[in-house]
Protein backbone atom coordinates (compact mmCIF):
# COMPACT_ATOMS: atom_id res chain seq x y z
CA MET A 1 9.73 -51.23 66.15
CA THR A 2 7.02 -54.00 66.92
CA MET A 3 4.18 -54.62 64.56
CA ALA A 4 2.08 -53.17 67.09
CA GLU A 5 3.76 -50.06 67.03
CA GLN A 6 4.00 -49.75 63.48
CA ASN A 7 0.01 -50.37 63.36
CA ARG A 8 -0.72 -47.97 65.88
CA ALA A 9 -3.52 -45.23 64.62
CA ARG A 10 -1.38 -41.96 64.80
CA THR A 11 -4.34 -40.01 65.57
CA ALA A 12 -5.66 -37.30 67.94
CA SER A 13 -8.40 -35.00 68.70
CA VAL A 14 -8.64 -31.69 70.71
CA ASP A 15 -11.70 -29.31 71.96
CA ARG A 16 -10.59 -25.78 72.65
CA LYS A 17 -13.38 -23.34 73.93
CA THR A 18 -12.24 -19.94 74.87
CA ASN A 19 -14.34 -16.74 75.04
CA GLU A 20 -12.91 -15.76 71.63
CA THR A 21 -13.25 -19.39 69.83
CA ASP A 22 -14.85 -22.81 69.89
CA ILE A 23 -12.92 -25.40 68.02
CA GLN A 24 -12.88 -28.95 67.39
CA LEU A 25 -10.13 -30.73 65.63
CA THR A 26 -9.34 -34.23 64.63
CA PHE A 27 -5.85 -35.18 62.98
CA GLN A 28 -4.56 -38.58 61.43
CA VAL A 29 -1.21 -38.43 60.40
CA ASP A 30 -1.60 -41.69 58.11
CA GLY A 31 -4.23 -40.90 56.31
CA THR A 32 -5.78 -40.37 52.72
CA GLY A 33 -5.94 -37.32 52.23
CA VAL A 34 -9.26 -36.25 53.52
CA SER A 35 -10.53 -33.06 54.65
CA GLU A 36 -13.77 -31.94 56.53
CA ILE A 37 -13.08 -28.35 57.38
CA GLU A 38 -15.81 -25.51 58.70
CA THR A 39 -14.69 -22.46 59.84
CA ASP A 40 -15.36 -18.69 59.22
CA VAL A 41 -12.59 -17.79 57.22
CA PRO A 42 -12.67 -19.13 53.83
CA PHE A 43 -9.18 -18.84 52.57
CA LEU A 44 -8.13 -20.75 55.51
CA ASN A 45 -10.43 -23.52 54.60
CA HIS A 46 -8.88 -23.59 51.34
CA MET A 47 -5.17 -23.56 52.78
CA LEU A 48 -6.17 -26.58 55.14
CA ASP A 49 -7.64 -28.40 52.44
CA LEU A 50 -4.42 -28.30 50.61
CA PHE A 51 -2.13 -29.11 53.31
CA THR A 52 -4.31 -32.35 53.99
CA LYS A 53 -4.37 -33.64 50.52
CA HIS A 54 -0.76 -33.06 50.04
CA GLY A 55 0.37 -34.42 53.06
CA GLN A 56 -1.97 -37.40 52.69
CA PHE A 57 -3.57 -36.89 56.28
CA ASP A 58 -6.98 -36.85 57.35
CA LEU A 59 -8.41 -33.40 59.03
CA LYS A 60 -11.50 -32.33 60.67
CA VAL A 61 -12.34 -29.32 61.75
CA THR A 62 -15.05 -27.01 63.01
CA ALA A 63 -14.45 -23.84 63.93
CA LYS A 64 -16.41 -20.62 65.22
CA GLY A 65 -14.57 -17.56 66.07
CA ASP A 66 -15.22 -13.71 66.57
CA ILE A 67 -14.67 -12.66 63.16
CA ASP A 68 -16.62 -9.60 63.76
CA ILE A 69 -13.60 -8.54 65.00
CA ASP A 70 -10.88 -10.16 62.59
CA ASP A 71 -9.74 -13.61 61.73
CA HIS A 72 -6.87 -13.29 64.01
CA HIS A 73 -8.16 -15.43 66.91
CA THR A 74 -9.80 -18.17 64.79
CA VAL A 75 -6.53 -18.63 62.33
CA GLU A 76 -4.44 -18.48 65.80
CA ASP A 77 -6.24 -20.88 67.59
CA ILE A 78 -6.60 -23.55 64.75
CA GLY A 79 -2.83 -23.36 64.54
CA ILE A 80 -2.70 -24.43 68.52
CA CYS A 81 -5.15 -27.12 67.90
CA LEU A 82 -3.47 -28.47 64.77
CA GLY A 83 -0.14 -28.36 66.91
CA GLN A 84 -1.18 -30.01 69.88
CA THR A 85 -3.01 -33.01 67.85
CA LEU A 86 0.08 -33.57 65.77
CA ARG A 87 2.27 -33.82 68.81
CA GLU A 88 0.09 -36.09 70.31
CA ALA A 89 -0.41 -38.44 67.72
CA LEU A 90 3.31 -39.02 67.05
CA GLY A 91 3.61 -40.16 70.41
CA ASP A 92 7.27 -40.77 71.59
CA LYS A 93 8.07 -40.48 67.56
CA ARG A 94 9.74 -43.76 67.59
CA GLY A 95 10.63 -44.71 63.91
CA ILE A 96 10.01 -41.59 62.35
CA LYS A 97 12.44 -39.88 59.60
CA ARG A 98 12.10 -36.57 61.56
CA TYR A 99 13.67 -34.39 59.13
CA ALA A 100 12.21 -33.13 55.49
CA SER A 101 13.10 -30.35 53.25
CA VAL A 102 10.57 -29.60 50.12
CA PHE A 103 10.28 -27.14 47.52
CA VAL A 104 7.10 -26.87 45.83
CA PRO A 105 6.07 -24.33 43.01
CA MET A 106 2.82 -22.81 42.15
CA ASP A 107 2.91 -21.25 39.02
CA GLU A 108 5.59 -18.24 39.20
CA ALA A 109 5.99 -18.59 42.95
CA LEU A 110 8.44 -21.17 44.83
CA ALA A 111 8.01 -22.00 48.54
CA GLN A 112 10.51 -24.08 50.49
CA VAL A 113 9.75 -25.98 53.89
CA VAL A 114 11.96 -27.58 56.30
CA ILE A 115 11.37 -29.45 59.15
CA ASP A 116 12.67 -31.23 62.11
CA ILE A 117 10.48 -32.72 64.50
CA SER A 118 12.97 -31.88 67.10
CA ASN A 119 10.91 -31.32 70.25
CA ARG A 120 12.63 -27.98 70.28
CA PRO A 121 10.03 -25.00 68.94
CA HIS A 122 11.33 -22.76 66.57
CA PHE A 123 10.18 -20.97 63.62
CA GLU A 124 11.83 -18.91 60.93
CA TYR A 125 9.64 -17.32 58.41
CA ARG A 126 11.29 -15.45 55.04
CA ALA A 127 8.18 -14.10 52.93
CA LEU A 128 7.56 -10.91 50.91
CA TYR A 129 3.88 -10.72 49.73
CA PRO A 130 3.10 -8.00 47.05
CA SER A 131 -0.44 -7.86 48.90
CA GLN A 132 -1.48 -7.19 52.55
CA THR A 133 -4.58 -9.48 51.82
CA VAL A 134 -5.91 -12.34 49.89
CA GLY A 135 -9.55 -11.40 49.68
CA SER A 136 -10.34 -10.48 53.06
CA PHE A 137 -7.85 -12.46 54.74
CA SER A 138 -4.74 -10.58 55.95
CA THR A 139 -1.45 -12.43 54.91
CA GLU A 140 0.35 -11.54 58.68
CA LEU A 141 -2.20 -14.52 59.75
CA VAL A 142 0.29 -16.84 58.00
CA HIS A 143 2.92 -16.31 60.24
CA GLU A 144 0.75 -16.56 63.27
CA PHE A 145 -1.05 -19.75 62.05
CA LEU A 146 2.81 -21.40 61.34
CA TRP A 147 4.42 -19.81 64.54
CA LYS A 148 1.84 -21.44 66.88
CA LEU A 149 1.86 -24.84 64.83
CA ALA A 150 5.40 -25.23 65.18
CA LEU A 151 4.92 -24.14 68.99
CA GLU A 152 2.61 -26.54 70.14
CA ALA A 153 3.84 -29.22 67.66
CA ARG A 154 6.90 -28.74 69.24
CA MET A 155 8.89 -28.81 66.36
CA THR A 156 11.84 -26.89 64.32
CA LEU A 157 9.99 -25.12 61.10
CA HIS A 158 11.66 -22.95 58.71
CA VAL A 159 9.36 -21.37 55.94
CA ILE A 160 10.82 -19.41 53.04
CA VAL A 161 9.18 -18.10 50.08
CA HIS A 162 11.91 -17.60 47.24
CA TYR A 163 9.82 -15.59 44.98
CA GLY A 164 6.31 -14.97 43.48
CA HIS A 165 4.16 -12.15 41.99
CA ASN A 166 0.71 -13.37 43.31
CA THR A 167 0.04 -13.24 46.91
CA HIS A 168 -2.37 -16.36 47.14
CA HIS A 169 -0.05 -18.62 44.72
CA MET A 170 2.71 -18.00 47.26
CA ILE A 171 0.77 -18.49 50.14
CA GLU A 172 -0.70 -21.64 48.51
CA ALA A 173 2.72 -23.00 47.65
CA VAL A 174 3.77 -22.43 51.40
CA PHE A 175 0.66 -24.82 52.65
CA LYS A 176 1.43 -27.54 49.91
CA ALA A 177 5.45 -27.60 51.03
CA LEU A 178 4.07 -27.49 54.61
CA GLY A 179 1.76 -30.79 53.92
CA ARG A 180 4.45 -32.70 51.82
CA ALA A 181 7.33 -31.85 54.38
CA LEU A 182 5.29 -32.95 57.40
CA ASP A 183 4.33 -36.21 55.61
CA GLU A 184 7.96 -36.88 54.83
CA ALA A 185 9.33 -36.09 58.28
CA THR A 186 6.17 -38.17 60.13
CA SER A 187 6.75 -41.18 57.87
CA ILE A 188 8.28 -44.30 59.48
CA ASP A 189 11.55 -45.41 58.11
CA PRO A 190 11.90 -49.15 58.98
CA ARG A 191 15.81 -48.53 59.32
CA VAL A 192 15.31 -46.33 62.35
CA GLN A 193 15.64 -48.09 65.43
CA GLY A 194 13.76 -46.19 68.40
CA VAL A 195 13.97 -42.57 67.91
CA PRO A 196 16.01 -40.74 65.35
CA SER A 197 18.37 -39.14 68.03
CA THR A 198 21.64 -40.03 69.61
CA LYS A 199 19.90 -38.37 72.84
CA GLY A 200 17.66 -41.57 72.58
CA VAL A 201 14.61 -39.43 72.94
CA LEU A 202 12.76 -36.47 71.36
């Protein structure tokens, strides 16, 4: 990998406007953990802030959606936008580690996130939450966000919440683990020549 390739700013932006949402999102892989997040879903704001800080990314999101119906469209479309910018920012994926597996505890809760930046979208999710909501946020939207992220980023994503009693803690552990796993999988390994695949392409 040349010095120019190593120094390429791995960043991307997307504007997505539909009849349901209006989103502007910028994602930088090699950041410093800075987030500017303004959405109509406060719990998601909190989770994205954690994800950004623990992944050492930079993330800027402005989103308006039809939350008078519910939070579904806003959460789903932010997942879509984040996945699209991640895929674009990584380019041809030359030099990346590609794989990561991270466990993160949050008090009594333990979550595991396993990633393969494979160009093959797949999502496995094992989580049973004690409560169906955290405040006004529906826990089923965690699945929706993660699935759309994996699909648009074209990565294999396995998320397992091994145990926990507090739903907030369990979901928080997931987003922290997601940030740390994605940071590791996208990091550059100087030993990797080209892309980390015997196929020669990801």
